[in-house]
Each structure stands twice: as C-alpha cells, then as structure tokens.
Amino acid sequence: MKNLLIKLMVNALAVFITGWILGDAVQINGILGALAVAVVLALLNLTVKPVLVILTIPATVVTLGLFLLVVNALVVLTADYLLASFQIANFWWALLFSLLLSFINSLLLRLGEKPAA
C-alpha cells in the first residue's frame, strides 16, 4: 500500500511537471488537480485501457505498435473529459502529454531508486 501511494505521488508530480512544461496547451489546477489527474489516469489505465488495447489489436499490428500511442492519448483525453481541473487543447497535445508524462514518470522513479550496493 505504501509503495502504491509513493508511485501515485510521483505520478502526480510528473503530471504537474508535464503540465508546466507544456504551458498553455495543458491546464492543471494546482497540485491537487495533478493528484486528481494521477488517480483518474491510474484508474483508466486499469479499466479502460486494456479494453481499448484488445479492441485495437489489428490497428496496433498494422502500425507495428504505434497505434498504442493513440490509445494513450485517448486515455488522457478521457481524463480531460472526466475532470474539471484538467484541460488539454486537442488530441495532438494529449499525445505529446502522454509521451512526456511517461518519460518524466520513469525518470522520477529511476531517480528515487536506491543504488545497488
């Protein structure tokens, strides 16, 4: 449970940083808004994303996996639809947001790892 909360907080920080980097195209209302986005994205990734991945297997195979980027952007746009504290300008900004969020999240998680002895 503690590990889950830490990952959620790191993800919220990554959402906040990503929103700050993208500027006016992404609007997040403070750190509580970023935390709400992190929670909603986590829930959508657990529920909606697997269904979308299964439904889009043919497109994913034809595009050699690149269609999964579209699925990620659709999940981000769904979070935008569900939350009043989170707004993204359009699909392309959602795509860039999802790419940058993944990169920043993995960077933050790697920075938090304990070095091997």
C-alpha atoms as a PDB file:
ATOM      1  CA  MET A   1       0.000   0.000   0.000  1.00  0.00           C
ATOM      2  CA  LYS A   2       2.841   2.370   0.860  1.00  0.00           C
ATOM      3  CA  ASN A   3       4.514   1.618  -2.477  1.00  0.00           C
ATOM      4  CA  LEU A   4       1.268   2.380  -4.326  1.00  0.00           C
ATOM      5  CA  LEU A   5       0.921   5.751  -2.582  1.00  0.00           C
ATOM      6  CA  ILE A   6       4.518   6.651  -3.389  1.00  0.00           C
ATOM      7  CA  LYS A   7       4.009   5.799  -7.056  1.00  0.00           C
ATOM      8  CA  LEU A   8       0.794   7.823  -7.077  1.00  0.00           C
ATOM      9  CA  MET A   9       2.570  10.850  -5.599  1.00  0.00           C
ATOM     10  CA  VAL A  10       5.431  10.510  -8.092  1.00  0.00           C
ATOM     11  CA  ASN A  11       2.893  10.273 -10.896  1.00  0.00           C
ATOM     12  CA  ALA A  12       1.118  13.394  -9.605  1.00  0.00           C
ATOM     13  CA  LEU A  13       4.447  15.233  -9.571  1.00  0.00           C
ATOM     14  CA  ALA A  14       5.110  14.031 -13.126  1.00  0.00           C
ATOM     15  CA  VAL A  15       1.655  15.268 -14.209  1.00  0.00           C
ATOM     16  CA  PHE A  16       2.354  18.650 -12.619  1.00  0.00           C
ATOM     17  CA  ILE A  17       5.791  18.943 -14.268  1.00  0.00           C
ATOM     18  CA  THR A  18       4.432  17.852 -17.649  1.00  0.00           C
ATOM     19  CA  GLY A  19       1.643  20.408 -17.441  1.00  0.00           C
ATOM     20  CA  TRP A  20       4.161  23.104 -16.522  1.00  0.00           C
ATOM     21  CA  ILE A  21       6.416  22.186 -19.462  1.00  0.00           C
ATOM     22  CA  LEU A  22       3.578  22.200 -21.996  1.00  0.00           C
ATOM     23  CA  GLY A  23       2.308  25.561 -20.763  1.00  0.00           C
ATOM     24  CA  ASP A  24      -0.959  26.928 -22.101  1.00  0.00           C
ATOM     25  CA  ALA A  25      -1.925  23.774 -24.000  1.00  0.00           C
ATOM     26  CA  VAL A  26      -2.444  21.890 -20.719  1.00  0.00           C
ATOM     27  CA  GLN A  27      -4.265  23.391 -17.764  1.00  0.00           C
ATOM     28  CA  ILE A  28      -3.949  21.760 -14.332  1.00  0.00           C
ATOM     29  CA  ASN A  29      -5.430  23.460 -11.295  1.00  0.00           C
ATOM     30  CA  GLY A  30      -2.641  23.101  -8.758  1.00  0.00           C
ATOM     31  CA  ILE A  31      -1.058  20.097  -7.141  1.00  0.00           C
ATOM     32  CA  LEU A  32      -4.443  18.727  -6.000  1.00  0.00           C
ATOM     33  CA  GLY A  33      -5.574  18.854  -9.620  1.00  0.00           C
ATOM     34  CA  ALA A  34      -2.427  16.953 -10.597  1.00  0.00           C
ATOM     35  CA  LEU A  35      -3.165  14.377  -7.895  1.00  0.00           C
ATOM     36  CA  ALA A  36      -6.713  14.001  -9.233  1.00  0.00           C
ATOM     37  CA  VAL A  37      -5.328  13.519 -12.755  1.00  0.00           C
ATOM     38  CA  ALA A  38      -2.887  10.890 -11.466  1.00  0.00           C
ATOM     39  CA  VAL A  39      -5.681   8.972  -9.718  1.00  0.00           C
ATOM     40  CA  VAL A  40      -8.024   9.137 -12.712  1.00  0.00           C
ATOM     41  CA  LEU A  41      -5.264   8.120 -15.134  1.00  0.00           C
ATOM     42  CA  ALA A  42      -4.371   5.181 -12.894  1.00  0.00           C
ATOM     43  CA  LEU A  43      -7.999   4.054 -12.787  1.00  0.00           C
ATOM     44  CA  LEU A  44      -8.429   4.490 -16.542  1.00  0.00           C
ATOM     45  CA  ASN A  45      -5.209   2.565 -17.186  1.00  0.00           C
ATOM     46  CA  LEU A  46      -6.570  -0.282 -15.062  1.00  0.00           C
ATOM     47  CA  THR A  47     -10.059  -0.384 -16.566  1.00  0.00           C
ATOM     48  CA  VAL A  48     -10.482   1.312 -19.947  1.00  0.00           C
ATOM     49  CA  LYS A  49      -7.026   0.963 -21.493  1.00  0.00           C
ATOM     50  CA  PRO A  50      -6.926  -2.864 -21.542  1.00  0.00           C
ATOM     51  CA  VAL A  51     -10.276  -2.925 -23.354  1.00  0.00           C
ATOM     52  CA  LEU A  52      -9.054  -0.366 -25.895  1.00  0.00           C
ATOM     53  CA  VAL A  53      -5.833  -2.306 -26.438  1.00  0.00           C
ATOM     54  CA  ILE A  54      -7.752  -5.512 -27.137  1.00  0.00           C
ATOM     55  CA  LEU A  55     -10.210  -3.772 -29.472  1.00  0.00           C
ATOM     56  CA  THR A  56      -7.408  -2.129 -31.445  1.00  0.00           C
ATOM     57  CA  ILE A  57      -5.124  -5.156 -31.897  1.00  0.00           C
ATOM     58  CA  PRO A  58      -5.482  -5.128 -35.715  1.00  0.00           C
ATOM     59  CA  ALA A  59      -4.541  -1.441 -35.960  1.00  0.00           C
ATOM     60  CA  THR A  60      -1.696  -1.972 -33.499  1.00  0.00           C
ATOM     61  CA  VAL A  61      -0.305  -4.870 -35.528  1.00  0.00           C
ATOM     62  CA  VAL A  62      -0.565  -2.972 -38.831  1.00  0.00           C
ATOM     63  CA  THR A  63       1.200   0.082 -37.372  1.00  0.00           C
ATOM     64  CA  LEU A  64       3.804  -2.057 -35.588  1.00  0.00           C
ATOM     65  CA  GLY A  65       2.648  -0.872 -32.181  1.00  0.00           C
ATOM     66  CA  LEU A  66       2.461   2.852 -32.896  1.00  0.00           C
ATOM     67  CA  PHE A  67      -1.313   2.834 -32.505  1.00  0.00           C
ATOM     68  CA  LEU A  68      -0.785   2.313 -28.765  1.00  0.00           C
ATOM     69  CA  LEU A  69       0.313   5.956 -28.666  1.00  0.00           C
ATOM     70  CA  VAL A  70      -3.158   6.870 -29.934  1.00  0.00           C
ATOM     71  CA  VAL A  71      -4.709   4.685 -27.216  1.00  0.00           C
ATOM     72  CA  ASN A  72      -2.634   6.526 -24.581  1.00  0.00           C
ATOM     73  CA  ALA A  73      -3.767   9.879 -25.972  1.00  0.00           C
ATOM     74  CA  LEU A  74      -7.399   8.730 -25.858  1.00  0.00           C
ATOM     75  CA  VAL A  75      -6.981   7.752 -22.202  1.00  0.00           C
ATOM     76  CA  VAL A  76      -5.571  11.223 -21.456  1.00  0.00           C
ATOM     77  CA  LEU A  77      -8.476  12.856 -23.327  1.00  0.00           C
ATOM     78  CA  THR A  78     -10.891  10.738 -21.284  1.00  0.00           C
ATOM     79  CA  ALA A  79      -9.289  12.061 -18.100  1.00  0.00           C
ATOM     80  CA  ASP A  80      -9.688  15.569 -19.540  1.00  0.00           C
ATOM     81  CA  TYR A  81     -13.386  14.866 -20.097  1.00  0.00           C
ATOM     82  CA  LEU A  82     -13.893  13.500 -16.575  1.00  0.00           C
ATOM     83  CA  LEU A  83     -12.043  16.202 -14.635  1.00  0.00           C
ATOM     84  CA  ALA A  84     -12.884  19.879 -14.473  1.00  0.00           C
ATOM     85  CA  SER A  85      -9.422  20.620 -13.041  1.00  0.00           C
ATOM     86  CA  PHE A  86      -7.617  19.245 -16.112  1.00  0.00           C
ATOM     87  CA  GLN A  87      -7.873  20.539 -19.671  1.00  0.00           C
ATOM     88  CA  ILE A  88      -5.931  19.705 -22.814  1.00  0.00           C
ATOM     89  CA  ALA A  89      -6.168  21.745 -26.013  1.00  0.00           C
ATOM     90  CA  ASN A  90      -6.576  18.880 -28.518  1.00  0.00           C
ATOM     91  CA  PHE A  91      -5.598  15.341 -29.499  1.00  0.00           C
ATOM     92  CA  TRP A  92      -2.042  16.252 -30.525  1.00  0.00           C
ATOM     93  CA  TRP A  93      -1.332  17.923 -27.194  1.00  0.00           C
ATOM     94  CA  ALA A  94      -2.786  14.855 -25.452  1.00  0.00           C
ATOM     95  CA  LEU A  95      -0.406  12.679 -27.464  1.00  0.00           C
ATOM     96  CA  LEU A  96       2.556  14.856 -26.516  1.00  0.00           C
ATOM     97  CA  PHE A  97       1.354  14.974 -22.893  1.00  0.00           C
ATOM     98  CA  SER A  98       1.201  11.167 -22.686  1.00  0.00           C
ATOM     99  CA  LEU A  99       4.681  10.768 -24.203  1.00  0.00           C
ATOM    100  CA  LEU A 100       6.231  13.393 -21.957  1.00  0.00           C
ATOM    101  CA  LEU A 101       4.388  12.099 -18.890  1.00  0.00           C
ATOM    102  CA  SER A 102       5.732   8.593 -19.459  1.00  0.00           C
ATOM    103  CA  PHE A 103       9.264   9.906 -19.832  1.00  0.00           C
ATOM    104  CA  ILE A 104       9.146  12.166 -16.759  1.00  0.00           C
ATOM    105  CA  ASN A 105       7.446   9.490 -14.652  1.00  0.00           C
ATOM    106  CA  SER A 106      10.096   6.903 -15.499  1.00  0.00           C
ATOM    107  CA  LEU A 107      12.847   9.464 -14.866  1.00  0.00           C
ATOM    108  CA  LEU A 108      11.449  10.350 -11.440  1.00  0.00           C
ATOM    109  CA  LEU A 109      11.003   6.696 -10.487  1.00  0.00           C
ATOM    110  CA  ARG A 110      14.562   5.942 -11.563  1.00  0.00           C
ATOM    111  CA  LEU A 111      15.893   8.889  -9.526  1.00  0.00           C
ATOM    112  CA  GLY A 112      14.081   7.531  -6.472  1.00  0.00           C
ATOM    113  CA  GLU A 113      15.579   4.051  -6.702  1.00  0.00           C
ATOM    114  CA  LYS A 114      18.154   3.013  -4.173  1.00  0.00           C
ATOM    115  CA  PRO A 115      21.568   2.419  -5.718  1.00  0.00           C
ATOM    116  CA  ALA A 116      22.781  -1.170  -5.806  1.00  0.00           C
ATOM    117  CA  ALA A 117      25.454  -1.984  -3.256  1.00  0.00           C
END
